[in-house]
Amino acid sequence: MTSSRISSQTKIPLYVVIGLVCVAAIVAFFVYQNMYSKVQTPVQNMTNPVKTEQTTNTIQPVYKPQETNTVPASINTTLLEQDIHEIANQERITTGIQPISYDLRLAEIARAHSQDMAIHQLLSDNSYDGDSLNHRYAFAGYKCQGHVGSYVYSTGNENIVVVTAQGNESQIAQRIVNSWLNSIADRGNIFDTEHKTEGIGVAFTENKMAVYATEDFC
């Protein structure tokens, strides 16, 4: 009787162990599933920034093409220079001042300065290299001097401007002269009675969207 009782008692822990193992396995399975789903969730969420970044990189940058050239193909720079001279002279006549003559040598000096400004996109009475008006006159061998007794002084003056190159020669010329008339110093040069001659020189920028003009006086 004693051995049978002992055998029965030893079988009970085996069932308990087996049950506990099963329960542990089930619990472990659910725990694993729960942990796996939690790990997967942030990984899926992290894909969104990557897709957004890739989409951003493929967007083409905003590009504004250069405006269409509005300068007529038939524009004549010589005619434009003459129109500027005539309009400026008409302003002198209107105010009772004698018209000024046109000097081709002075026009060459003015044109060279306009070309220098157009190339370097610079609006200045000095050249890109720093040469002043008097230096440019002297370099070209052009004498523009006044005398008071033994005192010799330069009578040269200069107007410069840059305007949009829209319209025909006459329209551009009028815009240029109007700009000078709106400047006290430039207006004074146009109406200066000591000036007897002038030269006009113009030059377009490379894209022909703007024109530089120089008016040299003597």
N, C-alpha and C. Protein backbone atom coordinates (compact mmCIF):
# COMPACT_ATOMS: atom_id res chain seq x y z
N MET A 1 0.84 -1.21 0.00
CA MET A 1 0.00 0.00 0.00
C MET A 1 0.86 1.24 0.00
N THR A 2 1.93 1.20 0.64
CA THR A 2 2.80 2.37 0.72
C THR A 2 3.41 2.70 -0.61
N SER A 3 3.90 1.72 -1.37
CA SER A 3 4.53 1.96 -2.67
C SER A 3 3.54 2.47 -3.68
N SER A 4 2.25 1.96 -3.67
CA SER A 4 1.22 2.43 -4.59
C SER A 4 0.89 3.87 -4.33
N ARG A 5 0.86 4.30 -3.10
CA ARG A 5 0.54 5.69 -2.74
C ARG A 5 1.67 6.61 -3.21
N ILE A 6 2.82 6.15 -3.07
CA ILE A 6 3.97 6.98 -3.50
C ILE A 6 3.97 7.17 -5.00
N SER A 7 3.65 6.10 -5.76
CA SER A 7 3.62 6.15 -7.23
C SER A 7 2.57 7.11 -7.72
N SER A 8 1.40 7.11 -7.04
CA SER A 8 0.32 8.01 -7.43
C SER A 8 0.72 9.46 -7.19
N GLN A 9 1.45 9.72 -6.11
CA GLN A 9 1.88 11.09 -5.81
C GLN A 9 2.92 11.58 -6.81
N THR A 10 3.73 10.73 -7.34
CA THR A 10 4.76 11.16 -8.29
C THR A 10 4.18 11.48 -9.66
N LYS A 11 3.03 10.91 -10.03
CA LYS A 11 2.42 11.18 -11.33
C LYS A 11 1.79 12.58 -11.38
N ILE A 12 1.31 13.07 -10.29
CA ILE A 12 0.62 14.38 -10.27
C ILE A 12 1.56 15.52 -10.68
N PRO A 13 2.74 15.62 -10.20
CA PRO A 13 3.65 16.70 -10.64
C PRO A 13 3.94 16.63 -12.13
N LEU A 14 3.96 15.49 -12.76
CA LEU A 14 4.22 15.37 -14.20
C LEU A 14 3.14 16.05 -15.01
N TYR A 15 1.90 15.85 -14.62
CA TYR A 15 0.80 16.51 -15.34
C TYR A 15 0.87 18.03 -15.15
N VAL A 16 1.21 18.37 -13.93
CA VAL A 16 1.34 19.80 -13.65
C VAL A 16 2.45 20.43 -14.48
N VAL A 17 3.54 19.71 -14.55
CA VAL A 17 4.68 20.21 -15.34
C VAL A 17 4.29 20.35 -16.79
N ILE A 18 3.62 19.29 -17.30
CA ILE A 18 3.20 19.32 -18.71
C ILE A 18 2.26 20.50 -18.95
N GLY A 19 1.32 20.71 -18.05
CA GLY A 19 0.37 21.83 -18.20
C GLY A 19 1.07 23.17 -18.15
N LEU A 20 2.01 23.27 -17.21
CA LEU A 20 2.75 24.52 -17.10
C LEU A 20 3.56 24.81 -18.35
N VAL A 21 4.12 23.76 -18.90
CA VAL A 21 4.91 23.92 -20.14
C VAL A 21 4.01 24.42 -21.26
N CYS A 22 2.83 23.83 -21.38
CA CYS A 22 1.90 24.25 -22.43
C CYS A 22 1.49 25.71 -22.25
N VAL A 23 1.17 26.05 -21.01
CA VAL A 23 0.75 27.43 -20.71
C VAL A 23 1.90 28.39 -21.03
N ALA A 24 3.11 27.98 -20.61
CA ALA A 24 4.27 28.83 -20.87
C ALA A 24 4.50 29.02 -22.36
N ALA A 25 4.29 27.94 -23.11
CA ALA A 25 4.47 28.03 -24.57
C ALA A 25 3.47 28.97 -25.18
N ILE A 26 2.22 28.87 -24.72
CA ILE A 26 1.17 29.74 -25.25
C ILE A 26 1.47 31.21 -24.91
N VAL A 27 1.83 31.40 -23.64
CA VAL A 27 2.14 32.77 -23.22
C VAL A 27 3.32 33.34 -24.02
N ALA A 28 4.35 32.50 -24.20
CA ALA A 28 5.53 32.94 -24.95
C ALA A 28 5.16 33.30 -26.38
N PHE A 29 4.26 32.54 -26.99
CA PHE A 29 3.84 32.79 -28.36
C PHE A 29 3.18 34.15 -28.49
N PHE A 30 2.24 34.43 -27.55
CA PHE A 30 1.54 35.71 -27.60
C PHE A 30 2.48 36.88 -27.31
N VAL A 31 3.38 36.65 -26.36
CA VAL A 31 4.37 37.70 -26.07
C VAL A 31 5.22 38.00 -27.29
N TYR A 32 5.67 36.95 -27.97
CA TYR A 32 6.49 37.11 -29.18
C TYR A 32 5.74 37.87 -30.26
N GLN A 33 4.48 37.48 -30.46
CA GLN A 33 3.66 38.15 -31.48
C GLN A 33 3.50 39.63 -31.15
N ASN A 34 3.25 39.90 -29.88
CA ASN A 34 3.07 41.29 -29.46
C ASN A 34 4.34 42.10 -29.66
N MET A 35 5.47 41.55 -29.27
CA MET A 35 6.76 42.24 -29.44
C MET A 35 7.08 42.43 -30.90
N TYR A 36 6.79 41.46 -31.74
CA TYR A 36 7.09 41.54 -33.17
C TYR A 36 6.29 42.66 -33.84
N SER A 37 5.01 42.74 -33.45
CA SER A 37 4.17 43.78 -34.04
C SER A 37 4.64 45.16 -33.61
N LYS A 38 5.11 45.29 -32.35
CA LYS A 38 5.60 46.59 -31.89
C LYS A 38 6.88 46.99 -32.62
N VAL A 39 7.73 46.01 -32.88
CA VAL A 39 8.97 46.30 -33.59
C VAL A 39 8.68 46.71 -35.02
N GLN A 40 7.69 46.07 -35.65
CA GLN A 40 7.39 46.34 -37.05
C GLN A 40 6.76 47.71 -37.25
N THR A 41 6.01 48.19 -36.27
CA THR A 41 5.27 49.44 -36.43
C THR A 41 6.18 50.63 -36.70
N PRO A 42 7.23 50.86 -35.89
CA PRO A 42 8.10 52.00 -36.19
C PRO A 42 8.86 51.85 -37.48
N VAL A 43 9.17 50.61 -37.87
CA VAL A 43 9.88 50.41 -39.13
C VAL A 43 9.02 50.86 -40.28
N GLN A 44 7.71 50.57 -40.23
CA GLN A 44 6.82 51.00 -41.29
C GLN A 44 6.67 52.51 -41.28
N ASN A 45 6.63 53.10 -40.09
CA ASN A 45 6.50 54.55 -40.01
C ASN A 45 7.74 55.25 -40.55
N MET A 46 8.90 54.63 -40.40
CA MET A 46 10.15 55.25 -40.84
C MET A 46 10.24 55.31 -42.35
N THR A 47 9.40 54.53 -43.03
CA THR A 47 9.48 54.55 -44.50
C THR A 47 8.94 55.84 -45.07
N ASN A 48 8.06 56.52 -44.35
CA ASN A 48 7.47 57.74 -44.88
C ASN A 48 8.47 58.85 -45.12
N PRO A 49 9.38 59.15 -44.14
CA PRO A 49 10.38 60.20 -44.41
C PRO A 49 11.26 59.87 -45.60
N VAL A 50 11.60 58.60 -45.76
CA VAL A 50 12.47 58.22 -46.87
C VAL A 50 11.77 58.51 -48.19
N LYS A 51 10.49 58.16 -48.28
CA LYS A 51 9.75 58.41 -49.51
C LYS A 51 9.60 59.89 -49.76
N THR A 52 9.37 60.66 -48.70
CA THR A 52 9.24 62.11 -48.85
C THR A 52 10.52 62.73 -49.34
N GLU A 53 11.65 62.25 -48.78
CA GLU A 53 12.95 62.80 -49.19
C GLU A 53 13.22 62.49 -50.65
N GLN A 54 12.89 61.27 -51.07
CA GLN A 54 13.13 60.90 -52.46
C GLN A 54 12.25 61.74 -53.39
N THR A 55 11.02 61.97 -52.97
CA THR A 55 10.12 62.78 -53.78
C THR A 55 10.64 64.21 -53.90
N THR A 56 11.14 64.74 -52.79
CA THR A 56 11.68 66.10 -52.79
C THR A 56 12.88 66.22 -53.72
N ASN A 57 13.73 65.21 -53.71
CA ASN A 57 14.93 65.26 -54.55
C ASN A 57 14.62 65.21 -56.03
N THR A 58 13.48 64.66 -56.38
CA THR A 58 13.15 64.53 -57.79
C THR A 58 12.41 65.74 -58.33
N ILE A 59 12.04 66.69 -57.45
CA ILE A 59 11.35 67.89 -57.91
C ILE A 59 12.34 68.79 -58.64
N GLN A 60 11.99 69.22 -59.82
CA GLN A 60 12.87 70.07 -60.60
C GLN A 60 12.88 71.48 -60.03
N PRO A 61 14.05 72.16 -59.96
CA PRO A 61 14.11 73.52 -59.43
C PRO A 61 13.36 74.48 -60.33
N VAL A 62 12.82 75.54 -59.72
CA VAL A 62 12.11 76.54 -60.50
C VAL A 62 13.10 77.28 -61.38
N TYR A 63 12.83 77.39 -62.66
CA TYR A 63 13.75 78.03 -63.59
C TYR A 63 12.99 79.07 -64.39
N LYS A 64 13.50 80.28 -64.33
CA LYS A 64 12.89 81.35 -65.10
C LYS A 64 13.80 81.66 -66.28
N PRO A 65 13.42 81.29 -67.48
CA PRO A 65 14.27 81.56 -68.63
C PRO A 65 14.42 83.05 -68.88
N GLN A 66 15.53 83.41 -69.49
CA GLN A 66 15.78 84.82 -69.78
C GLN A 66 14.70 85.36 -70.70
N GLU A 67 14.30 86.59 -70.44
CA GLU A 67 13.24 87.19 -71.23
C GLU A 67 13.65 87.26 -72.70
N THR A 68 12.64 87.17 -73.54
CA THR A 68 12.89 87.22 -74.98
C THR A 68 13.47 88.57 -75.35
N ASN A 69 14.41 88.58 -76.24
CA ASN A 69 15.03 89.81 -76.68
C ASN A 69 13.98 90.72 -77.31
N THR A 70 13.82 91.93 -76.76
CA THR A 70 12.81 92.86 -77.26
C THR A 70 13.40 93.93 -78.17
N VAL A 71 14.69 93.84 -78.43
CA VAL A 71 15.33 94.81 -79.32
C VAL A 71 15.05 94.42 -80.77
N PRO A 72 14.47 95.32 -81.56
CA PRO A 72 14.20 94.99 -82.97
C PRO A 72 15.48 94.62 -83.69
N ALA A 73 15.40 93.65 -84.56
CA ALA A 73 16.58 93.21 -85.30
C ALA A 73 17.13 94.33 -86.18
N SER A 74 16.27 95.27 -86.56
CA SER A 74 16.68 96.34 -87.48
C SER A 74 17.23 97.57 -86.76
N ILE A 75 17.47 97.47 -85.43
CA ILE A 75 17.95 98.63 -84.69
C ILE A 75 19.29 99.10 -85.25
N ASN A 76 19.43 100.39 -85.39
CA ASN A 76 20.64 100.99 -85.97
C ASN A 76 21.27 101.89 -84.91
N THR A 77 22.45 101.50 -84.42
CA THR A 77 23.07 102.26 -83.33
C THR A 77 23.48 103.67 -83.78
N THR A 78 23.91 103.80 -85.03
CA THR A 78 24.29 105.13 -85.53
C THR A 78 23.08 106.05 -85.55
N LEU A 79 21.95 105.52 -86.01
CA LEU A 79 20.73 106.32 -86.05
C LEU A 79 20.27 106.65 -84.62
N LEU A 80 20.43 105.70 -83.70
CA LEU A 80 20.07 105.93 -82.31
C LEU A 80 20.90 107.07 -81.72
N GLU A 81 22.19 107.08 -82.01
CA GLU A 81 23.07 108.14 -81.51
C GLU A 81 22.67 109.50 -82.07
N GLN A 82 22.32 109.52 -83.36
CA GLN A 82 21.89 110.78 -83.98
C GLN A 82 20.56 111.27 -83.38
N ASP A 83 19.66 110.35 -83.11
CA ASP A 83 18.38 110.72 -82.51
C ASP A 83 18.57 111.33 -81.13
N ILE A 84 19.49 110.76 -80.35
CA ILE A 84 19.78 111.31 -79.03
C ILE A 84 20.29 112.74 -79.16
N HIS A 85 21.20 112.94 -80.09
CA HIS A 85 21.77 114.27 -80.31
C HIS A 85 20.69 115.27 -80.72
N GLU A 86 19.82 114.88 -81.61
CA GLU A 86 18.79 115.78 -82.11
C GLU A 86 17.77 116.12 -81.02
N ILE A 87 17.38 115.13 -80.23
CA ILE A 87 16.41 115.39 -79.15
C ILE A 87 17.02 116.30 -78.10
N ALA A 88 18.29 116.06 -77.74
CA ALA A 88 18.96 116.92 -76.76
C ALA A 88 19.09 118.34 -77.30
N ASN A 89 19.40 118.48 -78.59
CA ASN A 89 19.53 119.80 -79.19
C ASN A 89 18.19 120.53 -79.22
N GLN A 90 17.13 119.78 -79.46
CA GLN A 90 15.80 120.38 -79.48
C GLN A 90 15.44 120.94 -78.11
N GLU A 91 15.89 120.25 -77.05
CA GLU A 91 15.66 120.75 -75.70
C GLU A 91 16.42 122.06 -75.48
N ARG A 92 17.63 122.17 -76.02
CA ARG A 92 18.40 123.41 -75.91
C ARG A 92 17.68 124.54 -76.64
N ILE A 93 17.23 124.25 -77.84
CA ILE A 93 16.54 125.27 -78.64
C ILE A 93 15.27 125.75 -77.94
N THR A 94 14.53 124.81 -77.34
CA THR A 94 13.28 125.14 -76.66
C THR A 94 13.51 126.11 -75.51
N THR A 95 14.65 125.98 -74.85
CA THR A 95 14.97 126.87 -73.71
C THR A 95 15.72 128.13 -74.15
N GLY A 96 15.87 128.32 -75.46
CA GLY A 96 16.51 129.52 -75.97
C GLY A 96 18.02 129.43 -76.07
N ILE A 97 18.58 128.22 -76.01
CA ILE A 97 20.03 128.03 -76.10
C ILE A 97 20.37 127.54 -77.51
N GLN A 98 21.47 128.06 -78.04
CA GLN A 98 21.90 127.67 -79.38
C GLN A 98 22.17 126.16 -79.45
N PRO A 99 21.83 125.53 -80.57
CA PRO A 99 22.11 124.09 -80.71
C PRO A 99 23.60 123.81 -80.69
N ILE A 100 23.94 122.63 -80.31
CA ILE A 100 25.34 122.22 -80.20
C ILE A 100 25.71 121.37 -81.41
N SER A 101 26.95 121.47 -81.86
CA SER A 101 27.38 120.71 -83.03
C SER A 101 27.75 119.28 -82.64
N TYR A 102 27.89 118.43 -83.66
CA TYR A 102 28.21 117.02 -83.41
C TYR A 102 29.63 116.74 -83.84
N ASP A 103 30.41 116.09 -82.97
CA ASP A 103 31.81 115.82 -83.20
C ASP A 103 32.02 114.30 -83.29
N LEU A 104 32.44 113.83 -84.44
CA LEU A 104 32.62 112.39 -84.64
C LEU A 104 33.74 111.83 -83.78
N ARG A 105 34.80 112.58 -83.55
CA ARG A 105 35.90 112.11 -82.71
C ARG A 105 35.42 111.97 -81.26
N LEU A 106 34.62 112.92 -80.83
CA LEU A 106 34.08 112.87 -79.49
C LEU A 106 33.10 111.70 -79.36
N ALA A 107 32.41 111.41 -80.45
CA ALA A 107 31.47 110.28 -80.46
C ALA A 107 32.22 108.95 -80.29
N GLU A 108 33.41 108.85 -80.89
CA GLU A 108 34.21 107.64 -80.75
C GLU A 108 34.63 107.42 -79.30
N ILE A 109 35.00 108.51 -78.61
CA ILE A 109 35.38 108.41 -77.20
C ILE A 109 34.17 107.99 -76.36
N ALA A 110 33.01 108.58 -76.67
CA ALA A 110 31.79 108.25 -75.94
C ALA A 110 31.37 106.81 -76.18
N ARG A 111 31.49 106.36 -77.42
CA ARG A 111 31.09 104.99 -77.77
C ARG A 111 31.98 103.97 -77.08
N ALA A 112 33.27 104.26 -77.01
CA ALA A 112 34.20 103.33 -76.35
C ALA A 112 33.86 103.20 -74.87
N HIS A 113 33.45 104.32 -74.25
CA HIS A 113 33.10 104.26 -72.83
C HIS A 113 31.80 103.47 -72.62
N SER A 114 30.83 103.65 -73.52
CA SER A 114 29.58 102.90 -73.43
C SER A 114 29.84 101.41 -73.59
N GLN A 115 30.71 101.06 -74.50
CA GLN A 115 31.05 99.65 -74.70
C GLN A 115 31.71 99.06 -73.46
N ASP A 116 32.58 99.84 -72.83
CA ASP A 116 33.25 99.39 -71.60
C ASP A 116 32.24 99.16 -70.49
N MET A 117 31.27 100.06 -70.36
CA MET A 117 30.25 99.92 -69.33
C MET A 117 29.34 98.73 -69.61
N ALA A 118 28.99 98.53 -70.88
CA ALA A 118 28.08 97.43 -71.24
C ALA A 118 28.74 96.08 -71.00
N ILE A 119 30.02 95.97 -71.32
CA ILE A 119 30.74 94.71 -71.14
C ILE A 119 30.84 94.35 -69.66
N HIS A 120 31.12 95.34 -68.83
CA HIS A 120 31.33 95.08 -67.40
C HIS A 120 30.10 95.37 -66.55
N GLN A 121 28.98 95.70 -67.20
CA GLN A 121 27.75 96.00 -66.47
C GLN A 121 28.01 97.04 -65.38
N LEU A 122 28.65 98.13 -65.79
CA LEU A 122 29.08 99.16 -64.87
C LEU A 122 28.60 100.52 -65.34
N LEU A 123 27.93 101.27 -64.47
CA LEU A 123 27.51 102.62 -64.81
C LEU A 123 28.37 103.59 -63.99
N SER A 124 29.36 104.17 -64.65
CA SER A 124 30.30 105.04 -63.95
C SER A 124 30.98 105.98 -64.94
N ASP A 125 31.30 107.18 -64.46
CA ASP A 125 32.05 108.12 -65.30
C ASP A 125 33.48 107.67 -65.48
N ASN A 126 33.96 106.83 -64.58
CA ASN A 126 35.28 106.24 -64.74
C ASN A 126 35.15 104.90 -65.46
N SER A 127 36.16 104.56 -66.22
CA SER A 127 36.14 103.29 -66.93
C SER A 127 36.34 102.14 -65.95
N TYR A 128 36.20 100.92 -66.43
CA TYR A 128 36.38 99.75 -65.58
C TYR A 128 37.79 99.72 -64.99
N ASP A 129 38.77 100.24 -65.74
CA ASP A 129 40.15 100.28 -65.26
C ASP A 129 40.44 101.52 -64.43
N GLY A 130 39.44 102.38 -64.25
CA GLY A 130 39.60 103.55 -63.40
C GLY A 130 39.98 104.83 -64.13
N ASP A 131 39.98 104.80 -65.46
CA ASP A 131 40.34 106.00 -66.22
C ASP A 131 39.23 107.04 -66.16
N SER A 132 39.58 108.28 -65.87
CA SER A 132 38.61 109.36 -65.79
C SER A 132 38.30 109.91 -67.19
N LEU A 133 37.34 110.83 -67.23
CA LEU A 133 36.97 111.45 -68.51
C LEU A 133 38.16 112.18 -69.12
N ASN A 134 38.86 112.98 -68.32
CA ASN A 134 40.01 113.73 -68.84
C ASN A 134 41.10 112.79 -69.35
N HIS A 135 41.27 111.66 -68.67
CA HIS A 135 42.27 110.69 -69.10
C HIS A 135 41.88 110.10 -70.45
N ARG A 136 40.60 109.82 -70.64
CA ARG A 136 40.15 109.25 -71.91
C ARG A 136 40.28 110.26 -73.05
N TYR A 137 40.01 111.52 -72.75
CA TYR A 137 40.19 112.57 -73.75
C TYR A 137 41.67 112.65 -74.15
N ALA A 138 42.54 112.69 -73.14
CA ALA A 138 43.97 112.82 -73.39
C ALA A 138 44.50 111.61 -74.15
N PHE A 139 44.04 110.41 -73.79
CA PHE A 139 44.49 109.19 -74.45
C PHE A 139 44.11 109.20 -75.92
N ALA A 140 42.96 109.79 -76.24
CA ALA A 140 42.52 109.86 -77.64
C ALA A 140 43.12 111.06 -78.36
N GLY A 141 43.91 111.87 -77.64
CA GLY A 141 44.52 113.05 -78.25
C GLY A 141 43.52 114.17 -78.49
N TYR A 142 42.45 114.18 -77.70
CA TYR A 142 41.40 115.17 -77.90
C TYR A 142 41.56 116.28 -76.86
N LYS A 143 41.76 117.50 -77.31
CA LYS A 143 41.94 118.63 -76.40
C LYS A 143 40.61 119.35 -76.20
N CYS A 144 40.23 119.49 -74.94
CA CYS A 144 38.99 120.19 -74.59
C CYS A 144 39.31 121.10 -73.42
N GLN A 145 39.74 122.33 -73.75
CA GLN A 145 40.25 123.22 -72.71
C GLN A 145 39.70 124.63 -72.85
N GLY A 146 39.62 125.28 -71.73
CA GLY A 146 39.25 126.68 -71.69
C GLY A 146 40.39 127.48 -71.07
N HIS A 147 40.40 128.80 -71.35
CA HIS A 147 41.50 129.63 -70.85
C HIS A 147 40.94 130.87 -70.14
N VAL A 148 41.49 131.13 -69.00
CA VAL A 148 41.20 132.37 -68.28
C VAL A 148 42.56 132.96 -67.93
N GLY A 149 43.00 133.90 -68.76
CA GLY A 149 44.34 134.44 -68.60
C GLY A 149 45.35 133.33 -68.89
N SER A 150 46.22 133.06 -67.95
CA SER A 150 47.20 132.00 -68.13
C SER A 150 46.71 130.66 -67.56
N TYR A 151 45.50 130.73 -67.00
CA TYR A 151 44.96 129.50 -66.39
C TYR A 151 44.23 128.67 -67.44
N VAL A 152 44.58 127.40 -67.52
CA VAL A 152 43.97 126.48 -68.47
C VAL A 152 43.15 125.44 -67.70
N TYR A 153 41.93 125.23 -68.13
CA TYR A 153 41.06 124.26 -67.45
C TYR A 153 40.31 123.42 -68.47
N SER A 154 39.86 122.27 -68.02
CA SER A 154 39.12 121.37 -68.89
C SER A 154 37.65 121.78 -68.95
N THR A 155 37.10 121.80 -70.13
CA THR A 155 35.68 122.13 -70.31
C THR A 155 34.86 120.88 -70.64
N GLY A 156 35.50 119.73 -70.57
CA GLY A 156 34.79 118.49 -70.89
C GLY A 156 33.83 118.07 -69.79
N ASN A 157 32.69 117.54 -70.18
CA ASN A 157 31.71 117.00 -69.26
C ASN A 157 31.08 115.75 -69.88
N GLU A 158 30.37 115.04 -69.07
CA GLU A 158 29.84 113.76 -69.57
C GLU A 158 28.52 113.40 -68.89
N ASN A 159 27.60 112.87 -69.69
CA ASN A 159 26.36 112.28 -69.18
C ASN A 159 26.36 110.79 -69.53
N ILE A 160 25.95 109.97 -68.61
CA ILE A 160 25.85 108.53 -68.87
C ILE A 160 24.52 108.02 -68.34
N VAL A 161 24.05 106.92 -68.91
CA VAL A 161 22.79 106.32 -68.46
C VAL A 161 22.67 104.92 -69.03
N VAL A 162 21.87 104.10 -68.39
CA VAL A 162 21.52 102.79 -68.93
C VAL A 162 20.00 102.67 -68.85
N VAL A 163 19.39 102.27 -69.97
CA VAL A 163 17.93 102.14 -70.03
C VAL A 163 17.58 100.81 -70.69
N THR A 164 16.33 100.40 -70.54
CA THR A 164 15.88 99.19 -71.21
C THR A 164 15.83 99.42 -72.71
N ALA A 165 16.21 98.40 -73.46
CA ALA A 165 16.29 98.52 -74.91
C ALA A 165 14.98 98.07 -75.55
N GLN A 166 13.93 98.83 -75.30
CA GLN A 166 12.61 98.51 -75.85
C GLN A 166 12.15 99.62 -76.78
N GLY A 167 11.62 99.22 -77.92
CA GLY A 167 11.13 100.20 -78.88
C GLY A 167 12.10 100.44 -80.02
N ASN A 168 11.80 101.43 -80.84
CA ASN A 168 12.67 101.76 -81.97
C ASN A 168 13.71 102.79 -81.53
N GLU A 169 14.52 103.25 -82.50
CA GLU A 169 15.61 104.17 -82.17
C GLU A 169 15.10 105.45 -81.51
N SER A 170 14.02 106.01 -82.07
CA SER A 170 13.50 107.26 -81.55
C SER A 170 12.96 107.12 -80.13
N GLN A 171 12.29 106.00 -79.87
CA GLN A 171 11.73 105.77 -78.53
C GLN A 171 12.83 105.58 -77.49
N ILE A 172 13.85 104.82 -77.85
CA ILE A 172 14.97 104.60 -76.92
C ILE A 172 15.71 105.91 -76.68
N ALA A 173 15.90 106.68 -77.75
CA ALA A 173 16.61 107.96 -77.63
C ALA A 173 15.85 108.91 -76.71
N GLN A 174 14.54 108.95 -76.84
CA GLN A 174 13.73 109.83 -75.99
C GLN A 174 13.83 109.41 -74.52
N ARG A 175 13.85 108.10 -74.29
CA ARG A 175 13.97 107.58 -72.92
C ARG A 175 15.32 107.97 -72.31
N ILE A 176 16.36 107.94 -73.13
CA ILE A 176 17.70 108.29 -72.66
C ILE A 176 17.78 109.77 -72.30
N VAL A 177 17.30 110.63 -73.20
CA VAL A 177 17.35 112.07 -72.94
C VAL A 177 16.48 112.44 -71.75
N ASN A 178 15.32 111.81 -71.62
CA ASN A 178 14.44 112.09 -70.47
C ASN A 178 15.15 111.76 -69.16
N SER A 179 15.91 110.68 -69.15
CA SER A 179 16.65 110.30 -67.94
C SER A 179 17.66 111.37 -67.58
N TRP A 180 18.32 111.93 -68.58
CA TRP A 180 19.29 112.99 -68.32
C TRP A 180 18.60 114.28 -67.85
N LEU A 181 17.46 114.58 -68.44
CA LEU A 181 16.75 115.79 -68.06
C LEU A 181 16.20 115.70 -66.62
N ASN A 182 15.99 114.48 -66.15
CA ASN A 182 15.50 114.29 -64.78
C ASN A 182 16.62 114.34 -63.75
N SER A 183 17.86 114.47 -64.21
CA SER A 183 19.01 114.60 -63.31
C SER A 183 19.51 116.04 -63.36
N ILE A 184 19.66 116.65 -62.20
CA ILE A 184 20.09 118.06 -62.15
C ILE A 184 21.44 118.24 -62.83
N ALA A 185 22.40 117.36 -62.52
CA ALA A 185 23.75 117.51 -63.09
C ALA A 185 23.73 117.27 -64.59
N ASP A 186 23.05 116.21 -65.03
CA ASP A 186 23.01 115.90 -66.45
C ASP A 186 22.25 116.98 -67.24
N ARG A 187 21.19 117.47 -66.65
CA ARG A 187 20.42 118.53 -67.29
C ARG A 187 21.28 119.79 -67.45
N GLY A 188 22.08 120.08 -66.42
CA GLY A 188 22.97 121.23 -66.48
C GLY A 188 23.99 121.10 -67.61
N ASN A 189 24.48 119.89 -67.83
CA ASN A 189 25.43 119.68 -68.93
C ASN A 189 24.79 119.92 -70.28
N ILE A 190 23.55 119.49 -70.45
CA ILE A 190 22.86 119.66 -71.73
C ILE A 190 22.62 121.14 -72.02
N PHE A 191 22.29 121.93 -70.98
CA PHE A 191 21.97 123.34 -71.17
C PHE A 191 23.16 124.27 -70.92
N ASP A 192 24.34 123.70 -70.75
CA ASP A 192 25.53 124.53 -70.51
C ASP A 192 25.91 125.27 -71.79
N THR A 193 25.91 126.61 -71.72
CA THR A 193 26.19 127.41 -72.92
C THR A 193 27.66 127.38 -73.31
N GLU A 194 28.54 126.93 -72.41
CA GLU A 194 29.96 126.84 -72.76
C GLU A 194 30.23 125.64 -73.67
N HIS A 195 29.38 124.69 -73.65
CA HIS A 195 29.57 123.52 -74.51
C HIS A 195 29.24 123.88 -75.96
N LYS A 196 30.18 123.63 -76.83
CA LYS A 196 30.01 123.96 -78.24
C LYS A 196 29.83 122.73 -79.13
N THR A 197 30.25 121.59 -78.60
CA THR A 197 30.16 120.38 -79.40
C THR A 197 29.94 119.17 -78.48
N GLU A 198 29.45 118.09 -79.05
CA GLU A 198 29.22 116.88 -78.27
C GLU A 198 29.34 115.65 -79.17
N GLY A 199 29.51 114.50 -78.52
CA GLY A 199 29.52 113.23 -79.22
C GLY A 199 28.70 112.23 -78.44
N ILE A 200 27.93 111.41 -79.12
CA ILE A 200 27.07 110.41 -78.48
C ILE A 200 27.56 109.01 -78.85
N GLY A 201 27.62 108.15 -77.85
CA GLY A 201 28.00 106.76 -78.11
C GLY A 201 27.12 105.81 -77.33
N VAL A 202 26.62 104.77 -77.99
CA VAL A 202 25.76 103.79 -77.31
C VAL A 202 26.32 102.38 -77.49
N ALA A 203 25.92 101.50 -76.60
CA ALA A 203 26.33 100.09 -76.69
C ALA A 203 25.30 99.24 -75.96
N PHE A 204 24.94 98.11 -76.59
CA PHE A 204 23.96 97.20 -76.00
C PHE A 204 24.68 96.14 -75.16
N THR A 205 23.99 95.68 -74.14
CA THR A 205 24.53 94.56 -73.36
C THR A 205 24.49 93.31 -74.23
N GLU A 206 25.20 92.28 -73.80
CA GLU A 206 25.31 91.07 -74.61
C GLU A 206 23.94 90.45 -74.91
N ASN A 207 23.03 90.48 -73.94
CA ASN A 207 21.70 89.91 -74.18
C ASN A 207 20.75 90.90 -74.83
N LYS A 208 21.26 92.10 -75.13
CA LYS A 208 20.51 93.16 -75.83
C LYS A 208 19.24 93.57 -75.09
N MET A 209 19.24 93.40 -73.76
CA MET A 209 18.09 93.80 -72.96
C MET A 209 18.22 95.23 -72.46
N ALA A 210 19.44 95.79 -72.52
CA ALA A 210 19.67 97.15 -72.02
C ALA A 210 20.68 97.83 -72.93
N VAL A 211 20.63 99.16 -72.91
CA VAL A 211 21.57 99.94 -73.72
C VAL A 211 22.21 101.01 -72.85
N TYR A 212 23.52 101.12 -72.93
CA TYR A 212 24.28 102.15 -72.23
C TYR A 212 24.53 103.30 -73.19
N ALA A 213 24.39 104.53 -72.71
CA ALA A 213 24.61 105.70 -73.56
C ALA A 213 25.55 106.68 -72.85
N THR A 214 26.43 107.27 -73.64
CA THR A 214 27.37 108.28 -73.13
C THR A 214 27.25 109.52 -73.99
N GLU A 215 27.18 110.66 -73.35
CA GLU A 215 27.14 111.95 -74.04
C GLU A 215 28.33 112.75 -73.54
N ASP A 216 29.32 112.93 -74.41
CA ASP A 216 30.53 113.68 -74.04
C ASP A 216 30.47 115.07 -74.64
N PHE A 217 30.81 116.05 -73.81
CA PHE A 217 30.74 117.47 -74.22
C PHE A 217 32.14 118.11 -74.27
N CYS A 218 32.21 119.15 -75.06
CA CYS A 218 33.39 119.99 -75.09
C CYS A 218 33.00 121.40 -75.49
